[in-house]
Protein backbone atom coordinates (compact mmCIF):
# COMPACT_ATOMS: atom_id res chain seq x y z
CA UNK A 1 -10.16 57.28 58.07
CA UNK A 2 -7.94 56.35 55.15
CA UNK A 3 -4.83 56.53 57.30
CA UNK A 4 -6.41 54.40 60.02
CA UNK A 5 -6.92 51.55 57.56
CA UNK A 6 -3.87 52.05 55.34
CA UNK A 7 -1.99 49.03 56.70
CA UNK A 8 -4.96 46.66 56.54
CA UNK A 9 -5.27 44.13 53.72
CA UNK A 10 -8.61 45.06 52.17
CA UNK A 11 -10.28 42.95 49.51
CA UNK A 12 -13.36 45.12 48.88
CA UNK A 13 -14.83 48.50 49.77
CA UNK A 14 -18.57 49.14 49.75
CA UNK A 15 -20.25 52.45 50.43
CA UNK A 16 -23.62 53.97 50.92
CA UNK A 17 -24.47 56.15 47.91
CA UNK A 18 -24.73 59.20 50.17
CA UNK A 19 -22.03 61.81 49.54
CA UNK A 20 -20.18 61.84 52.87
CA UNK A 21 -19.89 58.06 53.03
CA UNK A 22 -18.79 57.84 49.41
CA UNK A 23 -16.07 60.46 49.96
CA UNK A 24 -14.80 58.54 52.99
CA UNK A 25 -14.77 55.28 51.02
CA UNK A 26 -12.79 56.91 48.20
CA UNK A 27 -10.27 58.24 50.72
CA UNK A 28 -9.80 54.73 52.11
CA UNK A 29 -9.41 53.35 48.57
CA UNK A 30 -6.54 55.76 47.84
CA UNK A 31 -4.39 53.84 50.33
CA UNK A 32 -5.25 50.54 48.64
CA UNK A 33 -4.19 51.05 45.03
CA UNK A 34 -7.45 52.89 44.36
CA UNK A 35 -9.46 49.74 44.98
CA UNK A 36 -12.84 50.20 43.31
CA UNK A 37 -15.49 51.54 45.67
CA UNK A 38 -18.69 49.64 45.09
CA UNK A 39 -21.86 51.59 45.80
CA UNK A 40 -24.40 49.60 47.81
CA UNK A 41 -27.81 51.34 47.96
CA UNK A 42 -28.92 49.10 50.83
CA UNK A 43 -26.32 50.79 53.08
CA UNK A 44 -28.03 54.18 52.86
CA UNK A 45 -29.22 55.73 56.11
CA UNK A 46 -32.64 55.23 57.69
CA UNK A 47 -35.40 56.71 55.53
CA UNK A 48 -36.99 59.28 57.83
CA UNK A 49 -39.79 60.32 55.46
CA UNK A 50 -41.71 63.37 56.71
CA UNK A 51 -39.05 64.03 59.36
CA UNK A 52 -36.42 64.86 56.71
CA UNK A 53 -35.21 68.41 57.27
CA UNK A 54 -37.51 69.04 60.25
CA UNK A 55 -35.77 71.12 62.91
CA UNK A 56 -35.30 69.38 66.26
CA UNK A 57 -37.55 71.93 68.02
CA UNK A 58 -40.38 71.22 65.59
CA UNK A 59 -40.01 67.47 66.09
CA UNK A 60 -41.14 67.85 69.69
CA UNK A 61 -44.18 69.88 68.68
CA UNK A 62 -45.41 68.01 65.62
CA UNK A 63 -44.27 64.44 66.28
CA UNK A 64 -43.85 64.18 70.06
CA UNK A 65 -46.27 61.30 70.65
CA UNK A 66 -44.92 59.31 67.72
CA UNK A 67 -41.29 59.88 68.77
CA UNK A 68 -42.02 58.56 72.26
CA UNK A 69 -43.60 55.43 70.72
CA UNK A 70 -40.74 55.07 68.26
CA UNK A 71 -38.03 55.43 70.90
CA UNK A 72 -39.65 53.04 73.35
CA UNK A 73 -41.08 50.60 70.82
CA UNK A 74 -39.85 47.36 69.35
CA UNK A 75 -38.32 48.91 66.23
CA UNK A 76 -41.26 48.03 64.01
CA UNK A 77 -42.83 51.49 64.10
CA UNK A 78 -42.45 53.20 60.74
CA UNK A 79 -41.44 56.84 60.72
CA UNK A 80 -44.16 58.92 59.00
CA UNK A 81 -43.53 58.40 55.29
CA UNK A 82 -40.33 56.50 56.10
CA UNK A 83 -39.21 53.13 57.33
CA UNK A 84 -38.87 51.31 60.63
CA UNK A 85 -35.66 50.18 62.29
CA UNK A 86 -36.73 46.62 61.46
CA UNK A 87 -37.01 47.57 57.77
CA UNK A 88 -33.56 49.13 57.91
CA UNK A 89 -32.06 46.15 59.72
CA UNK A 90 -33.52 43.71 57.19
CA UNK A 91 -32.20 45.56 54.16
CA UNK A 92 -28.77 46.36 55.63
CA UNK A 93 -28.16 42.90 57.10
CA UNK A 94 -29.23 41.22 53.84
CA UNK A 95 -26.66 43.37 52.03
CA UNK A 96 -23.95 42.47 54.56
CA UNK A 97 -24.65 38.75 54.23
CA UNK A 98 -24.54 38.97 50.43
CA UNK A 99 -21.31 41.00 50.46
CA UNK A 100 -19.59 38.65 52.94
CA UNK A 101 -20.59 35.65 50.81
CA UNK A 102 -19.04 37.28 47.72
CA UNK A 103 -15.61 38.13 49.18
CA UNK A 104 -12.70 36.63 51.06
CA UNK A 105 -10.64 38.74 53.43
CA UNK A 106 -11.30 42.13 54.94
CA UNK A 107 -14.23 44.08 53.60
CA UNK A 108 -14.85 47.72 54.42
CA UNK A 109 -18.42 49.03 54.57
CA UNK A 110 -18.80 52.78 54.85
CA UNK A 111 -22.24 53.71 56.06
CA UNK A 112 -24.24 55.62 58.67
CA UNK A 113 -25.24 55.64 62.33
CA UNK A 114 -28.52 53.72 62.27
CA UNK A 115 -27.23 51.37 59.58
CA UNK A 116 -24.15 50.49 61.62
CA UNK A 117 -26.12 49.92 64.80
CA UNK A 118 -28.80 47.77 63.18
CA UNK A 119 -26.12 45.67 61.46
CA UNK A 120 -24.38 45.14 64.80
CA UNK A 121 -27.67 44.18 66.42
CA UNK A 122 -28.40 41.69 63.63
CA UNK A 123 -24.90 40.22 63.95
CA UNK A 124 -25.41 39.73 67.69
CA UNK A 125 -28.92 38.33 67.30
CA UNK A 126 -30.52 41.40 68.87
CA UNK A 127 -33.77 42.98 67.70
CA UNK A 128 -33.62 46.46 66.15
CA UNK A 129 -34.51 48.13 69.45
CA UNK A 130 -31.12 46.89 70.68
CA UNK A 131 -29.53 49.96 69.09
CA UNK A 132 -30.32 51.82 72.33
CA UNK A 133 -27.58 49.80 74.01
CA UNK A 134 -24.76 50.96 71.72
CA UNK A 135 -23.11 54.24 70.69
CA UNK A 136 -20.79 54.91 67.79
CA UNK A 137 -19.26 58.25 66.92
CA UNK A 138 -18.76 59.94 63.58
CA UNK A 139 -15.70 58.50 61.88
CA UNK A 140 -15.49 55.55 64.25
CA UNK A 141 -14.58 52.03 63.18
CA UNK A 142 -16.57 48.98 64.22
CA UNK A 143 -15.41 45.50 63.22
CA UNK A 144 -17.28 42.25 62.75
CA UNK A 145 -15.36 39.01 62.26
CA UNK A 146 -17.14 36.25 60.38
CA UNK A 147 -15.68 32.88 61.34
CA UNK A 148 -17.48 29.86 59.89
CA UNK A 149 -20.33 32.18 58.97
CA UNK A 150 -20.86 33.30 62.56
CA UNK A 151 -20.41 37.02 63.19
CA UNK A 152 -18.48 38.20 66.24
CA UNK A 153 -18.22 41.85 67.31
CA UNK A 154 -14.46 42.50 67.44
CA UNK A 155 -14.56 46.27 68.01
CA UNK A 156 -17.23 48.89 68.49
CA UNK A 157 -16.93 52.58 67.73
CA UNK A 158 -13.13 52.78 67.84
CA UNK A 159 -12.01 56.40 67.53
CA UNK A 160 -8.32 56.05 68.49
CA UNK A 161 -7.32 57.09 64.98
CA UNK A 162 -9.08 60.44 65.44
CA UNK A 163 -6.95 61.58 68.36
């Protein structure tokens, strides 16, 4: 990931506090005079509550009815002991808006699957359930351009740098 962004002019790097994201952010920073990586707690992944660490086979047995509702719902259904996609979208998008207001130029946010997708949905004016319409892979790069305060999706899930 660091090599993919090495020629970009980056003014700030923000990362989820989770280990893998933070390591990726630090790798990117190495190519930018060790630009300080700022930890942003609001970029952490979806809080899954009671589903944390549950094996996929057990999900179907213990939570099957809820998972059907959650997958087909509006995004407001809270995971047992966790948060909803709407909760995630609100916290992540608020962080993005604050970060964009604080910086000029290119900003890198290193975060996670559900965070990325809910941010993209918010940027496009889609509800949280809109995440079903997009896919991003591990290590992919998605880009939002903010012109006159209006976000535009410039790229989604680019993985060319991984080939």
